[in-house]
Amino acid sequence: MAVDAHFRRQKFRPDLRLELGSNEAVKEAVTGNLGVAVLSRHALPPEPPTSSVAVLPVRGFPIESKWHIVYPRGRMVSPIAAAFERHLQRQARHWTPQPGTA
């Protein structure tokens, strides 16, 4: 959705488009010379193998997106889910500027 919104803002409509079910499928498609892809940097190893994929410098990238933590209303959150949420909240402080610091 973030890529679609970015493309709309840029008034860009790709001639061909393919959506695949997983990051691994997308990487295999790129490796198989089916085209280019927009993936989260987190979906790639720290140093992508030079023989299979390359990260291209593209103006307007990386695309910023928002993440949301969701769970069923009216249901008690499990202890492991609560611990994971706390972990995400702590990590998010490192990813985004805090009010008054930007």
Protein backbone atom coordinates (compact mmCIF):
# COMPACT_ATOMS: atom_id res chain seq x y z
CA MET A 1 0.00 0.00 0.00
CA ALA A 2 2.88 2.35 0.78
CA VAL A 3 4.37 1.76 -2.68
CA ASP A 4 0.99 2.26 -4.37
CA ALA A 5 0.50 5.55 -2.50
CA HIS A 6 4.05 6.66 -3.39
CA PHE A 7 3.50 5.86 -7.06
CA ARG A 8 0.20 7.78 -7.04
CA ARG A 9 1.91 10.83 -5.53
CA GLN A 10 4.56 10.61 -8.26
CA LYS A 11 1.86 10.13 -10.92
CA PHE A 12 3.60 6.91 -11.96
CA ARG A 13 1.68 3.94 -13.35
CA PRO A 14 3.77 0.90 -14.23
CA ASP A 15 2.83 -0.74 -17.53
CA LEU A 16 3.09 -4.20 -16.01
CA ARG A 17 2.72 -5.23 -12.42
CA LEU A 18 3.03 -8.49 -10.55
CA GLU A 19 2.15 -9.13 -6.93
CA LEU A 20 3.66 -12.17 -5.26
CA GLY A 21 2.85 -13.79 -1.95
CA SER A 22 6.17 -13.47 -0.16
CA ASN A 23 9.43 -11.55 -0.11
CA GLU A 24 11.24 -14.75 -1.07
CA ALA A 25 9.05 -15.12 -4.18
CA VAL A 26 9.76 -11.50 -5.12
CA LYS A 27 13.53 -12.00 -4.71
CA GLU A 28 13.36 -15.18 -6.82
CA ALA A 29 11.45 -13.30 -9.54
CA VAL A 30 14.09 -10.56 -9.61
CA THR A 31 16.88 -13.13 -9.62
CA GLY A 32 15.09 -14.83 -12.53
CA ASN A 33 15.21 -11.57 -14.55
CA LEU A 34 11.46 -10.91 -14.38
CA GLY A 35 12.02 -7.25 -13.53
CA VAL A 36 12.67 -4.95 -10.60
CA ALA A 37 10.95 -4.91 -7.22
CA VAL A 38 10.27 -2.61 -4.31
CA LEU A 39 11.01 -4.42 -1.05
CA SER A 40 11.65 -3.40 2.50
CA ARG A 41 15.37 -3.18 3.19
CA HIS A 42 14.63 -5.52 6.11
CA ALA A 43 13.73 -8.27 3.61
CA LEU A 44 17.31 -8.36 2.32
CA PRO A 45 20.44 -9.62 4.03
CA PRO A 46 22.76 -6.89 5.38
CA GLU A 47 24.97 -7.26 2.30
CA PRO A 48 22.94 -8.51 -0.68
CA PRO A 49 24.89 -10.98 -2.82
CA THR A 50 26.21 -9.06 -5.80
CA SER A 51 25.50 -11.93 -8.18
CA SER A 52 21.76 -12.11 -7.56
CA VAL A 53 20.32 -8.71 -6.57
CA ALA A 54 21.41 -5.11 -6.35
CA VAL A 55 19.92 -2.24 -4.38
CA LEU A 56 19.37 0.65 -6.78
CA PRO A 57 19.57 4.30 -5.72
CA VAL A 58 16.16 5.77 -6.55
CA ARG A 59 15.06 9.35 -5.90
CA GLY A 60 12.24 9.46 -3.34
CA PHE A 61 13.30 6.21 -1.68
CA PRO A 62 13.19 4.82 0.90
CA ILE A 63 9.44 5.17 1.18
CA GLU A 64 8.27 5.91 4.69
CA SER A 65 5.35 3.87 5.97
CA LYS A 66 3.43 3.55 9.19
CA TRP A 67 3.20 0.37 11.22
CA HIS A 68 0.32 -0.47 13.50
CA ILE A 69 -0.02 -2.95 16.33
CA VAL A 70 -3.46 -4.59 16.20
CA TYR A 71 -5.23 -7.27 18.19
CA PRO A 72 -8.84 -8.39 18.60
CA ARG A 73 -11.03 -6.01 20.57
CA GLY A 74 -12.31 -7.35 23.85
CA ARG A 75 -9.73 -10.12 24.04
CA MET A 76 -7.01 -10.29 26.63
CA VAL A 77 -3.53 -10.00 25.15
CA SER A 78 -1.29 -12.97 25.93
CA PRO A 79 1.83 -12.34 28.01
CA ILE A 80 4.09 -13.09 25.03
CA ALA A 81 2.11 -10.71 22.80
CA ALA A 82 2.34 -8.00 25.48
CA ALA A 83 6.11 -8.56 25.75
CA PHE A 84 6.43 -8.34 21.97
CA GLU A 85 4.45 -5.08 21.93
CA ARG A 86 6.73 -3.60 24.60
CA HIS A 87 9.75 -4.68 22.54
CA LEU A 88 8.30 -3.02 19.40
CA GLN A 89 7.55 0.18 21.31
CA ARG A 90 11.12 0.32 22.66
CA GLN A 91 12.60 -0.33 19.21
CA ALA A 92 10.35 2.27 17.59
CA ARG A 93 11.94 4.97 19.75
CA HIS A 94 15.20 4.34 17.86
CA TRP A 95 13.52 4.52 14.43
CA THR A 96 11.52 7.72 14.72
CA PRO A 97 12.38 11.17 16.09
CA GLN A 98 10.72 11.86 19.42
CA PRO A 99 8.71 15.09 19.86
CA GLY A 100 11.01 18.05 20.35
CA THR A 101 14.11 16.26 19.02
CA ALA A 102 13.63 16.60 15.24
